[in-house]
Amino acid sequence: MFNPASRRALSLCTLLVFALLVKAANAQEPRQITQKQVQKHLIKQVAVPPDPLGDAAKLAGVVKLHVIVGKNGKVSAIKAISGHPMLVQRAIAAVQQWEYKPFTREGKAVAVTFDLDVTV
C-alpha cells in the first residue's frame, strides 16, 4: 500500500507528533519541589483557625497535605494525605489562604506541587 519512502516519512511524522504531545503534557504538569524551596517563596501564611470543640477535647496533631500552587503563586488545589478528620478541614482552610512568590523555571512562571505538614 505504501512504498518504503512513504512509510519512513509517516513514521517520522508520527514520532514527531508523539514527541510534541509528550513535551506539551510535561509542560502543563506541576513541578515537584522541596520544603526548602517552598519556605523561600512563602509570602503570606494564615494560622490554623481555632476550634472550640477540638480545643476542648485537646485534639491536636499533624495533618499532611499535598498542595498545588498555580503560576500566580496562589494555592490551586489541596488534598489531605493523613491526619485526624477534625483537624484536616481546619488545616486546609488555613493553607488555602497562603500565598507564594511565583515559582519560575527558565524565567517563566510554573505551577508547583509539594507535600506539607501542618501542625494543628
PDB file of N, CA and C in Angstrom:
ATOM      1  N   MET A   1       0.815  -1.183   0.000  1.00  0.00           N
ATOM      2  CA  MET A   1       0.000   0.000   0.000  1.00  0.00           C
ATOM      3  C   MET A   1       0.871   1.265   0.000  1.00  0.00           C
ATOM      4  N   PHE A   2       1.865   1.352   0.927  1.00  0.00           N
ATOM      5  CA  PHE A   2       2.792   2.470   0.949  1.00  0.00           C
ATOM      6  C   PHE A   2       4.157   1.983   0.466  1.00  0.00           C
ATOM      7  N   ASN A   3       4.869   2.827  -0.258  1.00  0.00           N
ATOM      8  CA  ASN A   3       6.231   2.463  -0.639  1.00  0.00           C
ATOM      9  C   ASN A   3       7.153   2.738   0.552  1.00  0.00           C
ATOM     10  N   PRO A   4       8.383   2.216   0.561  1.00  0.00           N
ATOM     11  CA  PRO A   4       9.290   2.380   1.711  1.00  0.00           C
ATOM     12  C   PRO A   4       9.547   3.841   2.094  1.00  0.00           C
ATOM     13  N   ALA A   5       9.673   4.729   1.123  1.00  0.00           N
ATOM     14  CA  ALA A   5       9.926   6.140   1.432  1.00  0.00           C
ATOM     15  C   ALA A   5       8.720   6.757   2.144  1.00  0.00           C
ATOM     16  N   SER A   6       7.521   6.387   1.705  1.00  0.00           N
ATOM     17  CA  SER A   6       6.298   6.909   2.340  1.00  0.00           C
ATOM     18  C   SER A   6       6.167   6.384   3.760  1.00  0.00           C
ATOM     19  N   ARG A   7       6.519   5.143   3.964  1.00  0.00           N
ATOM     20  CA  ARG A   7       6.454   4.552   5.312  1.00  0.00           C
ATOM     21  C   ARG A   7       7.416   5.269   6.265  1.00  0.00           C
ATOM     22  N   ARG A   8       8.639   5.543   5.784  1.00  0.00           N
ATOM     23  CA  ARG A   8       9.610   6.258   6.628  1.00  0.00           C
ATOM     24  C   ARG A   8       9.099   7.657   6.964  1.00  0.00           C
ATOM     25  N   ALA A   9       8.552   8.345   5.985  1.00  0.00           N
ATOM     26  CA  ALA A   9       8.040   9.699   6.218  1.00  0.00           C
ATOM     27  C   ALA A   9       6.884   9.659   7.214  1.00  0.00           C
ATOM     28  N   LEU A  10       6.001   8.690   7.081  1.00  0.00           N
ATOM     29  CA  LEU A  10       4.877   8.546   8.002  1.00  0.00           C
ATOM     30  C   LEU A  10       5.373   8.219   9.409  1.00  0.00           C
ATOM     31  N   SER A  11       6.370   7.352   9.506  1.00  0.00           N
ATOM     32  CA  SER A  11       6.940   7.006  10.814  1.00  0.00           C
ATOM     33  C   SER A  11       7.577   8.224  11.470  1.00  0.00           C
ATOM     34  N   LEU A  12       8.321   9.025  10.714  1.00  0.00           N
ATOM     35  CA  LEU A  12       8.947  10.227  11.256  1.00  0.00           C
ATOM     36  C   LEU A  12       7.902  11.239  11.711  1.00  0.00           C
ATOM     37  N   CYS A  13       6.856  11.415  10.918  1.00  0.00           N
ATOM     38  CA  CYS A  13       5.779  12.342  11.303  1.00  0.00           C
ATOM     39  C   CYS A  13       5.098  11.874  12.580  1.00  0.00           C
ATOM     40  N   THR A  14       4.831  10.586  12.680  1.00  0.00           N
ATOM     41  CA  THR A  14       4.194  10.029  13.871  1.00  0.00           C
ATOM     42  C   THR A  14       5.076  10.240  15.094  1.00  0.00           C
ATOM     43  N   LEU A  15       6.357   9.989  14.953  1.00  0.00           N
ATOM     44  CA  LEU A  15       7.299  10.184  16.049  1.00  0.00           C
ATOM     45  C   LEU A  15       7.366  11.645  16.469  1.00  0.00           C
ATOM     46  N   LEU A  16       7.376  12.553  15.503  1.00  0.00           N
ATOM     47  CA  LEU A  16       7.423  13.986  15.800  1.00  0.00           C
ATOM     48  C   LEU A  16       6.165  14.429  16.549  1.00  0.00           C
ATOM     49  N   VAL A  17       5.009  13.997  16.104  1.00  0.00           N
ATOM     50  CA  VAL A  17       3.749  14.345  16.779  1.00  0.00           C
ATOM     51  C   VAL A  17       3.753  13.800  18.200  1.00  0.00           C
ATOM     52  N   PHE A  18       4.188  12.570  18.385  1.00  0.00           N
ATOM     53  CA  PHE A  18       4.250  11.972  19.721  1.00  0.00           C
ATOM     54  C   PHE A  18       5.184  12.770  20.630  1.00  0.00           C
ATOM     55  N   ALA A  19       6.349  13.148  20.130  1.00  0.00           N
ATOM     56  CA  ALA A  19       7.311  13.915  20.925  1.00  0.00           C
ATOM     57  C   ALA A  19       6.724  15.264  21.328  1.00  0.00           C
ATOM     58  N   LEU A  20       6.019  15.920  20.432  1.00  0.00           N
ATOM     59  CA  LEU A  20       5.394  17.208  20.747  1.00  0.00           C
ATOM     60  C   LEU A  20       4.287  17.052  21.789  1.00  0.00           C
ATOM     61  N   LEU A  21       3.515  15.985  21.691  1.00  0.00           N
ATOM     62  CA  LEU A  21       2.460  15.740  22.683  1.00  0.00           C
ATOM     63  C   LEU A  21       3.048  15.479  24.066  1.00  0.00           C
ATOM     64  N   VAL A  22       4.122  14.717  24.136  1.00  0.00           N
ATOM     65  CA  VAL A  22       4.787  14.438  25.415  1.00  0.00           C
ATOM     66  C   VAL A  22       5.332  15.726  26.015  1.00  0.00           C
ATOM     67  N   LYS A  23       5.965  16.555  25.196  1.00  0.00           N
ATOM     68  CA  LYS A  23       6.517  17.818  25.683  1.00  0.00           C
ATOM     69  C   LYS A  23       5.402  18.719  26.206  1.00  0.00           C
ATOM     70  N   ALA A  24       4.301  18.801  25.489  1.00  0.00           N
ATOM     71  CA  ALA A  24       3.177  19.645  25.920  1.00  0.00           C
ATOM     72  C   ALA A  24       2.579  19.128  27.226  1.00  0.00           C
ATOM     73  N   ALA A  25       2.450  17.826  27.359  1.00  0.00           N
ATOM     74  CA  ALA A  25       1.897  17.248  28.589  1.00  0.00           C
ATOM     75  C   ALA A  25       2.813  17.522  29.771  1.00  0.00           C
ATOM     76  N   ASN A  26       4.108  17.396  29.587  1.00  0.00           N
ATOM     77  CA  ASN A  26       5.057  17.650  30.671  1.00  0.00           C
ATOM     78  C   ASN A  26       5.081  19.119  31.067  1.00  0.00           C
ATOM     79  N   ALA A  27       4.880  20.007  30.130  1.00  0.00           N
ATOM     80  CA  ALA A  27       4.922  21.436  30.421  1.00  0.00           C
ATOM     81  C   ALA A  27       3.744  21.862  31.294  1.00  0.00           C
ATOM     82  N   GLN A  28       2.644  21.130  31.256  1.00  0.00           N
ATOM     83  CA  GLN A  28       1.448  21.506  31.996  1.00  0.00           C
ATOM     84  C   GLN A  28       1.404  20.904  33.395  1.00  0.00           C
ATOM     85  N   GLU A  29       2.179  19.899  33.650  1.00  0.00           N
ATOM     86  CA  GLU A  29       2.162  19.262  34.961  1.00  0.00           C
ATOM     87  C   GLU A  29       2.928  20.105  35.968  1.00  0.00           C
ATOM     88  N   PRO A  30       2.388  20.235  37.190  1.00  0.00           N
ATOM     89  CA  PRO A  30       3.136  20.979  38.215  1.00  0.00           C
ATOM     90  C   PRO A  30       4.459  20.292  38.528  1.00  0.00           C
ATOM     91  N   ARG A  31       5.473  21.099  38.795  1.00  0.00           N
ATOM     92  CA  ARG A  31       6.805  20.589  39.120  1.00  0.00           C
ATOM     93  C   ARG A  31       6.896  20.305  40.610  1.00  0.00           C
ATOM     94  N   GLN A  32       7.409  19.146  40.983  1.00  0.00           N
ATOM     95  CA  GLN A  32       7.610  18.773  42.396  1.00  0.00           C
ATOM     96  C   GLN A  32       8.766  19.578  42.961  1.00  0.00           C
ATOM     97  N   ILE A  33       8.566  20.201  44.132  1.00  0.00           N
ATOM     98  CA  ILE A  33       9.630  20.978  44.756  1.00  0.00           C
ATOM     99  C   ILE A  33       9.832  20.542  46.203  1.00  0.00           C
ATOM    100  N   THR A  34      10.914  21.030  46.798  1.00  0.00           N
ATOM    101  CA  THR A  34      11.275  20.644  48.160  1.00  0.00           C
ATOM    102  C   THR A  34      10.688  21.622  49.182  1.00  0.00           C
ATOM    103  N   GLN A  35      10.680  21.198  50.449  1.00  0.00           N
ATOM    104  CA  GLN A  35      10.205  22.060  51.530  1.00  0.00           C
ATOM    105  C   GLN A  35      11.052  23.331  51.636  1.00  0.00           C
ATOM    106  N   LYS A  36      12.333  23.221  51.372  1.00  0.00           N
ATOM    107  CA  LYS A  36      13.226  24.385  51.430  1.00  0.00           C
ATOM    108  C   LYS A  36      12.814  25.429  50.389  1.00  0.00           C
ATOM    109  N   GLN A  37      12.513  24.979  49.182  1.00  0.00           N
ATOM    110  CA  GLN A  37      12.068  25.889  48.129  1.00  0.00           C
ATOM    111  C   GLN A  37      10.727  26.528  48.493  1.00  0.00           C
ATOM    112  N   VAL A  38       9.855  25.742  49.092  1.00  0.00           N
ATOM    113  CA  VAL A  38       8.535  26.238  49.493  1.00  0.00           C
ATOM    114  C   VAL A  38       8.693  27.379  50.487  1.00  0.00           C
ATOM    115  N   GLN A  39       9.492  27.180  51.509  1.00  0.00           N
ATOM    116  CA  GLN A  39       9.669  28.193  52.552  1.00  0.00           C
ATOM    117  C   GLN A  39      10.246  29.492  52.002  1.00  0.00           C
ATOM    118  N   LYS A  40      11.139  29.396  51.028  1.00  0.00           N
ATOM    119  CA  LYS A  40      11.749  30.592  50.443  1.00  0.00           C
ATOM    120  C   LYS A  40      10.717  31.462  49.716  1.00  0.00           C
ATOM    121  N   HIS A  41       9.667  30.852  49.200  1.00  0.00           N
ATOM    122  CA  HIS A  41       8.687  31.575  48.389  1.00  0.00           C
ATOM    123  C   HIS A  41       7.437  31.993  49.160  1.00  0.00           C
ATOM    124  N   LEU A  42       7.279  31.537  50.385  1.00  0.00           N
ATOM    125  CA  LEU A  42       6.079  31.842  51.163  1.00  0.00           C
ATOM    126  C   LEU A  42       6.035  33.325  51.524  1.00  0.00           C
ATOM    127  N   ILE A  43       4.966  34.026  51.120  1.00  0.00           N
ATOM    128  CA  ILE A  43       4.846  35.448  51.438  1.00  0.00           C
ATOM    129  C   ILE A  43       3.639  35.756  52.326  1.00  0.00           C
ATOM    130  N   LYS A  44       2.684  34.838  52.407  1.00  0.00           N
ATOM    131  CA  LYS A  44       1.527  35.042  53.287  1.00  0.00           C
ATOM    132  C   LYS A  44       1.142  33.700  53.893  1.00  0.00           C
ATOM    133  N   GLN A  45       1.190  33.630  55.216  1.00  0.00           N
ATOM    134  CA  GLN A  45       0.837  32.394  55.918  1.00  0.00           C
ATOM    135  C   GLN A  45      -0.264  32.706  56.933  1.00  0.00           C
ATOM    136  N   VAL A  46      -1.400  32.058  56.774  1.00  0.00           N
ATOM    137  CA  VAL A  46      -2.536  32.238  57.677  1.00  0.00           C
ATOM    138  C   VAL A  46      -2.517  31.114  58.700  1.00  0.00           C
ATOM    139  N   ALA A  47      -2.691  31.469  59.968  1.00  0.00           N
ATOM    140  CA  ALA A  47      -2.693  30.465  61.044  1.00  0.00           C
ATOM    141  C   ALA A  47      -3.937  29.585  60.959  1.00  0.00           C
ATOM    142  N   VAL A  48      -3.806  28.372  61.471  1.00  0.00           N
ATOM    143  CA  VAL A  48      -4.947  27.454  61.534  1.00  0.00           C
ATOM    144  C   VAL A  48      -5.970  28.041  62.504  1.00  0.00           C
ATOM    145  N   PRO A  49      -7.233  28.161  62.075  1.00  0.00           N
ATOM    146  CA  PRO A  49      -8.240  28.761  62.955  1.00  0.00           C
ATOM    147  C   PRO A  49      -8.542  27.877  64.163  1.00  0.00           C
ATOM    148  N   PRO A  50      -8.844  28.499  65.307  1.00  0.00           N
ATOM    149  CA  PRO A  50      -9.175  27.701  66.492  1.00  0.00           C
ATOM    150  C   PRO A  50     -10.532  27.024  66.325  1.00  0.00           C
ATOM    151  N   ASP A  51     -10.698  25.922  67.028  1.00  0.00           N
ATOM    152  CA  ASP A  51     -11.964  25.188  67.008  1.00  0.00           C
ATOM    153  C   ASP A  51     -12.331  24.875  68.448  1.00  0.00           C
ATOM    154  N   PRO A  52     -13.402  25.478  68.975  1.00  0.00           N
ATOM    155  CA  PRO A  52     -13.766  25.255  70.372  1.00  0.00           C
ATOM    156  C   PRO A  52     -13.950  23.776  70.725  1.00  0.00           C
ATOM    157  N   LEU A  53     -14.560  23.006  69.850  1.00  0.00           N
ATOM    158  CA  LEU A  53     -14.772  21.577  70.138  1.00  0.00           C
ATOM    159  C   LEU A  53     -13.448  20.824  70.188  1.00  0.00           C
ATOM    160  N   GLY A  54     -12.604  21.083  69.187  1.00  0.00           N
ATOM    161  CA  GLY A  54     -11.310  20.414  69.144  1.00  0.00           C
ATOM    162  C   GLY A  54     -10.417  20.834  70.291  1.00  0.00           C
ATOM    163  N   ASP A  55     -10.462  22.131  70.617  1.00  0.00           N
ATOM    164  CA  ASP A  55      -9.646  22.626  71.714  1.00  0.00           C
ATOM    165  C   ASP A  55     -10.117  22.056  73.049  1.00  0.00           C
ATOM    166  N   ALA A  56     -11.441  21.949  73.236  1.00  0.00           N
ATOM    167  CA  ALA A  56     -11.985  21.397  74.476  1.00  0.00           C
ATOM    168  C   ALA A  56     -11.606  19.928  74.630  1.00  0.00           C
ATOM    169  N   ALA A  57     -11.540  19.222  73.525  1.00  0.00           N
ATOM    170  CA  ALA A  57     -11.179  17.804  73.554  1.00  0.00           C
ATOM    171  C   ALA A  57      -9.669  17.613  73.561  1.00  0.00           C
ATOM    172  N   LYS A  58      -8.928  18.729  73.538  1.00  0.00           N
ATOM    173  CA  LYS A  58      -7.463  18.708  73.485  1.00  0.00           C
ATOM    174  C   LYS A  58      -6.971  17.906  72.281  1.00  0.00           C
ATOM    175  N   LEU A  59      -7.702  18.089  71.181  1.00  0.00           N
ATOM    176  CA  LEU A  59      -7.376  17.391  69.944  1.00  0.00           C
ATOM    177  C   LEU A  59      -6.346  18.214  69.168  1.00  0.00           C
ATOM    178  N   ALA A  60      -5.190  17.638  68.941  1.00  0.00           N
ATOM    179  CA  ALA A  60      -4.120  18.308  68.199  1.00  0.00           C
ATOM    180  C   ALA A  60      -3.323  17.248  67.454  1.00  0.00           C
ATOM    181  N   GLY A  61      -2.588  17.697  66.473  1.00  0.00           N
ATOM    182  CA  GLY A  61      -1.764  16.752  65.729  1.00  0.00           C
ATOM    183  C   GLY A  61      -1.253  17.360  64.445  1.00  0.00           C
ATOM    184  N   VAL A  62      -0.674  16.512  63.616  1.00  0.00           N
ATOM    185  CA  VAL A  62      -0.111  16.944  62.340  1.00  0.00           C
ATOM    186  C   VAL A  62      -0.991  16.431  61.214  1.00  0.00           C
ATOM    187  N   VAL A  63      -1.267  17.317  60.278  1.00  0.00           N
ATOM    188  CA  VAL A  63      -2.021  16.963  59.076  1.00  0.00           C
ATOM    189  C   VAL A  63      -1.055  17.065  57.902  1.00  0.00           C
ATOM    190  N   LYS A  64      -0.983  16.023  57.103  1.00  0.00           N
ATOM    191  CA  LYS A  64      -0.112  16.031  55.919  1.00  0.00           C
ATOM    192  C   LYS A  64      -0.996  16.326  54.708  1.00  0.00           C
ATOM    193  N   LEU A  65      -0.609  17.365  53.958  1.00  0.00           N
ATOM    194  CA  LEU A  65      -1.369  17.787  52.792  1.00  0.00           C
ATOM    195  C   LEU A  65      -0.504  17.734  51.535  1.00  0.00           C
ATOM    196  N   HIS A  66      -1.147  17.454  50.407  1.00  0.00           N
ATOM    197  CA  HIS A  66      -0.494  17.565  49.105  1.00  0.00           C
ATOM    198  C   HIS A  66      -1.050  18.851  48.497  1.00  0.00           C
ATOM    199  N   VAL A  67      -0.157  19.800  48.167  1.00  0.00           N
ATOM    200  CA  VAL A  67      -0.562  21.135  47.742  1.00  0.00           C
ATOM    201  C   VAL A  67      -0.071  21.412  46.326  1.00  0.00           C
ATOM    202  N   ILE A  68      -0.931  22.074  45.538  1.00  0.00           N
ATOM    203  CA  ILE A  68      -0.527  22.563  44.219  1.00  0.00           C
ATOM    204  C   ILE A  68      -0.667  24.084  44.240  1.00  0.00           C
ATOM    205  N   VAL A  69       0.397  24.755  43.844  1.00  0.00           N
ATOM    206  CA  VAL A  69       0.405  26.215  43.748  1.00  0.00           C
ATOM    207  C   VAL A  69       0.476  26.569  42.272  1.00  0.00           C
ATOM    208  N   GLY A  70      -0.448  27.426  41.825  1.00  0.00           N
ATOM    209  CA  GLY A  70      -0.505  27.827  40.427  1.00  0.00           C
ATOM    210  C   GLY A  70       0.588  28.794  40.036  1.00  0.00           C
ATOM    211  N   LYS A  71       0.635  29.119  38.764  1.00  0.00           N
ATOM    212  CA  LYS A  71       1.644  30.036  38.230  1.00  0.00           C
ATOM    213  C   LYS A  71       1.587  31.406  38.892  1.00  0.00           C
ATOM    214  N   ASN A  72       0.407  31.777  39.407  1.00  0.00           N
ATOM    215  CA  ASN A  72       0.233  33.089  40.036  1.00  0.00           C
ATOM    216  C   ASN A  72       0.664  33.111  41.499  1.00  0.00           C
ATOM    217  N   GLY A  73       1.103  31.972  42.045  1.00  0.00           N
ATOM    218  CA  GLY A  73       1.547  31.906  43.433  1.00  0.00           C
ATOM    219  C   GLY A  73       0.442  31.615  44.435  1.00  0.00           C
ATOM    220  N   LYS A  74      -0.758  31.398  43.946  1.00  0.00           N
ATOM    221  CA  LYS A  74      -1.884  31.088  44.839  1.00  0.00           C
ATOM    222  C   LYS A  74      -2.141  29.579  44.869  1.00  0.00           C
ATOM    223  N   VAL A  75      -2.577  29.095  46.025  1.00  0.00           N
ATOM    224  CA  VAL A  75      -2.878  27.674  46.179  1.00  0.00           C
ATOM    225  C   VAL A  75      -4.073  27.346  45.283  1.00  0.00           C
ATOM    226  N   SER A  76      -3.911  26.349  44.421  1.00  0.00           N
ATOM    227  CA  SER A  76      -4.986  25.995  43.489  1.00  0.00           C
ATOM    228  C   SER A  76      -5.658  24.676  43.838  1.00  0.00           C
ATOM    229  N   ALA A  77      -4.973  23.830  44.605  1.00  0.00           N
ATOM    230  CA  ALA A  77      -5.572  22.551  44.998  1.00  0.00           C
ATOM    231  C   ALA A  77      -4.872  22.009  46.234  1.00  0.00           C
ATOM    232  N   ILE A  78      -5.668  21.349  47.080  1.00  0.00           N
ATOM    233  CA  ILE A  78      -5.134  20.710  48.286  1.00  0.00           C
ATOM    234  C   ILE A  78      -5.825  19.368  48.454  1.00  0.00           C
ATOM    235  N   LYS A  79      -5.034  18.361  48.792  1.00  0.00           N
ATOM    236  CA  LYS A  79      -5.584  17.035  49.077  1.00  0.00           C
ATOM    237  C   LYS A  79      -4.976  16.550  50.390  1.00  0.00           C
ATOM    238  N   ALA A  80      -5.839  16.095  51.294  1.00  0.00           N
ATOM    239  CA  ALA A  80      -5.349  15.560  52.565  1.00  0.00           C
ATOM    240  C   ALA A  80      -4.733  14.191  52.331  1.00  0.00           C
ATOM    241  N   ILE A  81      -3.548  13.989  52.881  1.00  0.00           N
ATOM    242  CA  ILE A  81      -2.868  12.694  52.800  1.00  0.00           C
ATOM    243  C   ILE A  81      -3.103  11.927  54.092  1.00  0.00           C
ATOM    244  N   SER A  82      -2.976  12.638  55.225  1.00  0.00           N
ATOM    245  CA  SER A  82      -3.210  11.986  56.516  1.00  0.00           C
ATOM    246  C   SER A  82      -3.534  13.048  57.564  1.00  0.00           C
ATOM    247  N   GLY A  83      -4.092  12.569  58.664  1.00  0.00           N
ATOM    248  CA  GLY A  83      -4.438  13.456  59.765  1.00  0.00           C
ATOM    249  C   GLY A  83      -5.835  13.157  60.269  1.00  0.00           C
ATOM    250  N   HIS A  84      -6.108  13.568  61.495  1.00  0.00           N
ATOM    251  CA  HIS A  84      -7.423  13.356  62.097  1.00  0.00           C
ATOM    252  C   HIS A  84      -8.464  14.158  61.315  1.00  0.00           C
ATOM    253  N   PRO A  85      -9.606  13.549  60.975  1.00  0.00           N
ATOM    254  CA  PRO A  85     -10.636  14.243  60.187  1.00  0.00           C
ATOM    255  C   PRO A  85     -11.068  15.600  60.758  1.00  0.00           C
ATOM    256  N   MET A  86     -11.093  15.734  62.077  1.00  0.00           N
ATOM    257  CA  MET A  86     -11.492  17.011  62.673  1.00  0.00           C
ATOM    258  C   MET A  86     -10.416  18.083  62.477  1.00  0.00           C
ATOM    259  N   LEU A  87      -9.193  17.670  62.222  1.00  0.00           N
ATOM    260  CA  LEU A  87      -8.102  18.624  62.031  1.00  0.00           C
ATOM    261  C   LEU A  87      -7.871  18.968  60.562  1.00  0.00           C
ATOM    262  N   VAL A  88      -8.207  18.040  59.678  1.00  0.00           N
ATOM    263  CA  VAL A  88      -7.925  18.202  58.253  1.00  0.00           C
ATOM    264  C   VAL A  88      -8.586  19.458  57.688  1.00  0.00           C
ATOM    265  N   GLN A  89      -9.882  19.649  57.952  1.00  0.00           N
ATOM    266  CA  GLN A  89     -10.591  20.791  57.380  1.00  0.00           C
ATOM    267  C   GLN A  89     -10.017  22.116  57.855  1.00  0.00           C
ATOM    268  N   ARG A  90      -9.606  22.181  59.102  1.00  0.00           N
ATOM    269  CA  ARG A  90      -9.010  23.409  59.626  1.00  0.00           C
ATOM    270  C   ARG A  90      -7.670  23.695  58.949  1.00  0.00           C
ATOM    271  N   ALA A  91      -6.884  22.653  58.767  1.00  0.00           N
ATOM    272  CA  ALA A  91      -5.587  22.824  58.102  1.00  0.00           C
ATOM    273  C   ALA A  91      -5.779  23.280  56.660  1.00  0.00           C
ATOM    274  N   ILE A  92      -6.710  22.659  55.961  1.00  0.00           N
ATOM    275  CA  ILE A  92      -6.981  23.031  54.564  1.00  0.00           C
ATOM    276  C   ILE A  92      -7.468  24.480  54.487  1.00  0.00           C
ATOM    277  N   ALA A  93      -8.347  24.878  55.405  1.00  0.00           N
ATOM    278  CA  ALA A  93      -8.872  26.254  55.405  1.00  0.00           C
ATOM    279  C   ALA A  93      -7.749  27.274  55.544  1.00  0.00           C
ATOM    280  N   ALA A  94      -6.765  26.977  56.359  1.00  0.00           N
ATOM    281  CA  ALA A  94      -5.640  27.902  56.543  1.00  0.00           C
ATOM    282  C   ALA A  94      -4.735  27.915  55.317  1.00  0.00           C
ATOM    283  N   VAL A  95      -4.310  26.742  54.861  1.00  0.00           N
ATOM    284  CA  VAL A  95      -3.350  26.652  53.755  1.00  0.00           C
ATOM    285  C   VAL A  95      -3.946  27.205  52.451  1.00  0.00           C
ATOM    286  N   GLN A  96      -5.246  27.086  52.281  1.00  0.00           N
ATOM    287  CA  GLN A  96      -5.904  27.610  51.077  1.00  0.00           C
ATOM    288  C   GLN A  96      -5.671  29.121  50.928  1.00  0.00           C
ATOM    289  N   GLN A  97      -5.421  29.807  52.030  1.00  0.00           N
ATOM    290  CA  GLN A  97      -5.211  31.262  52.017  1.00  0.00           C
ATOM    291  C   GLN A  97      -3.738  31.663  51.876  1.00  0.00           C
ATOM    292  N   TRP A  98      -2.829  30.699  51.935  1.00  0.00           N
ATOM    293  CA  TRP A  98      -1.407  31.008  51.834  1.00  0.00           C
ATOM    294  C   TRP A  98      -1.099  31.498  50.421  1.00  0.00           C
ATOM    295  N   GLU A  99      -0.086  32.350  50.337  1.00  0.00           N
ATOM    296  CA  GLU A  99       0.353  32.864  49.037  1.00  0.00           C
ATOM    297  C   GLU A  99       1.866  32.748  48.930  1.00  0.00           C
ATOM    298  N   TYR A 100       2.303  32.553  47.712  1.00  0.00           N
ATOM    299  CA  TYR A 100       3.719  32.356  47.429  1.00  0.00           C
ATOM    300  C   TYR A 100       4.180  33.311  46.341  1.00  0.00           C
ATOM    301  N   LYS A 101       5.442  33.693  46.427  1.00  0.00           N
ATOM    302  CA  LYS A 101       6.067  34.399  45.316  1.00  0.00           C
ATOM    303  C   LYS A 101       6.069  33.386  44.167  1.00  0.00           C
ATOM    304  N   PRO A 102       5.607  33.775  42.964  1.00  0.00           N
ATOM    305  CA  PRO A 102       5.535  32.790  41.877  1.00  0.00           C
ATOM    306  C   PRO A 102       6.864  32.053  41.662  1.00  0.00           C
ATOM    307  N   PHE A 103       6.749  30.771  41.445  1.00  0.00           N
ATOM    308  CA  PHE A 103       7.905  29.928  41.168  1.00  0.00           C
ATOM    309  C   PHE A 103       8.221  30.043  39.679  1.00  0.00           C
ATOM    310  N   THR A 104       9.501  30.068  39.346  1.00  0.00           N
ATOM    311  CA  THR A 104       9.884  30.206  37.943  1.00  0.00           C
ATOM    312  C   THR A 104      10.843  29.101  37.523  1.00  0.00           C
ATOM    313  N   ARG A 105      10.814  28.854  36.239  1.00  0.00           N
ATOM    314  CA  ARG A 105      11.752  27.911  35.621  1.00  0.00           C
ATOM    315  C   ARG A 105      12.104  28.494  34.261  1.00  0.00           C
ATOM    316  N   GLU A 106      13.389  28.725  34.060  1.00  0.00           N
ATOM    317  CA  GLU A 106      13.873  29.334  32.820  1.00  0.00           C
ATOM    318  C   GLU A 106      13.164  30.662  32.558  1.00  0.00           C
ATOM    319  N   GLY A 107      12.934  31.431  33.625  1.00  0.00           N
ATOM    320  CA  GLY A 107      12.340  32.756  33.504  1.00  0.00           C
ATOM    321  C   GLY A 107      10.830  32.798  33.353  1.00  0.00           C
ATOM    322  N   LYS A 108      10.175  31.635  33.343  1.00  0.00           N
ATOM    323  CA  LYS A 108       8.715  31.600  33.178  1.00  0.00           C
ATOM    324  C   LYS A 108       8.072  31.055  34.446  1.00  0.00           C
ATOM    325  N   ALA A 109       6.923  31.626  34.819  1.00  0.00           N
ATOM    326  CA  ALA A 109       6.186  31.151  35.989  1.00  0.00           C
ATOM    327  C   ALA A 109       5.695  29.726  35.738  1.00  0.00           C
ATOM    328  N   VAL A 110       5.799  28.877  36.769  1.00  0.00           N
ATOM    329  CA  VAL A 110       5.354  27.483  36.661  1.00  0.00           C
ATOM    330  C   VAL A 110       4.520  27.110  37.887  1.00  0.00           C
ATOM    331  N   ALA A 111       3.624  26.157  37.690  1.00  0.00           N
ATOM    332  CA  ALA A 111       2.878  25.588  38.807  1.00  0.00           C
ATOM    333  C   ALA A 111       3.783  24.581  39.506  1.00  0.00           C
ATOM    334  N   VAL A 112       3.607  24.453  40.824  1.00  0.00           N
ATOM    335  CA  VAL A 112       4.429  23.520  41.597  1.00  0.00           C
ATOM    336  C   VAL A 112       3.552  22.676  42.509  1.00  0.00           C
ATOM    337  N   THR A 113       4.106  21.577  42.967  1.00  0.00           N
ATOM    338  CA  THR A 113       3.409  20.693  43.885  1.00  0.00           C
ATOM    339  C   THR A 113       4.382  20.245  44.971  1.00  0.00           C
ATOM    340  N   PHE A 114       3.838  20.050  46.176  1.00  0.00           N
ATOM    341  CA  PHE A 114       4.673  19.620  47.291  1.00  0.00           C
ATOM    342  C   PHE A 114       3.790  19.052  48.393  1.00  0.00           C
ATOM    343  N   ASP A 115       4.406  18.293  49.293  1.00  0.00           N
ATOM    344  CA  ASP A 115       3.725  17.787  50.477  1.00  0.00           C
ATOM    345  C   ASP A 115       4.078  18.695  51.644  1.00  0.00           C
ATOM    346  N   LEU A 116       3.101  18.932  52.510  1.00  0.00           N
ATOM    347  CA  LEU A 116       3.259  19.901  53.583  1.00  0.00           C
ATOM    348  C   LEU A 116       2.700  19.323  54.873  1.00  0.00           C
ATOM    349  N   ASP A 117       3.466  19.418  55.960  1.00  0.00           N
ATOM    350  CA  ASP A 117       2.998  19.026  57.283  1.00  0.00           C
ATOM    351  C   ASP A 117       2.518  20.272  58.010  1.00  0.00           C
ATOM    352  N   VAL A 118       1.267  20.245  58.466  1.00  0.00           N
ATOM    353  CA  VAL A 118       0.684  21.374  59.195  1.00  0.00           C
ATOM    354  C   VAL A 118       0.345  20.913  60.604  1.00  0.00           C
ATOM    355  N   THR A 119       0.875  21.596  61.603  1.00  0.00           N
ATOM    356  CA  THR A 119       0.570  21.274  62.993  1.00  0.00           C
ATOM    357  C   THR A 119      -0.697  22.019  63.394  1.00  0.00           C
ATOM    358  N   VAL A 120      -1.669  21.255  63.893  1.00  0.00           N
ATOM    359  CA  VAL A 120      -2.956  21.833  64.297  1.00  0.00           C
ATOM    360  C   VAL A 120      -3.145  21.615  65.775  1.00  0.00           C
TER     361      VAL A 120
END
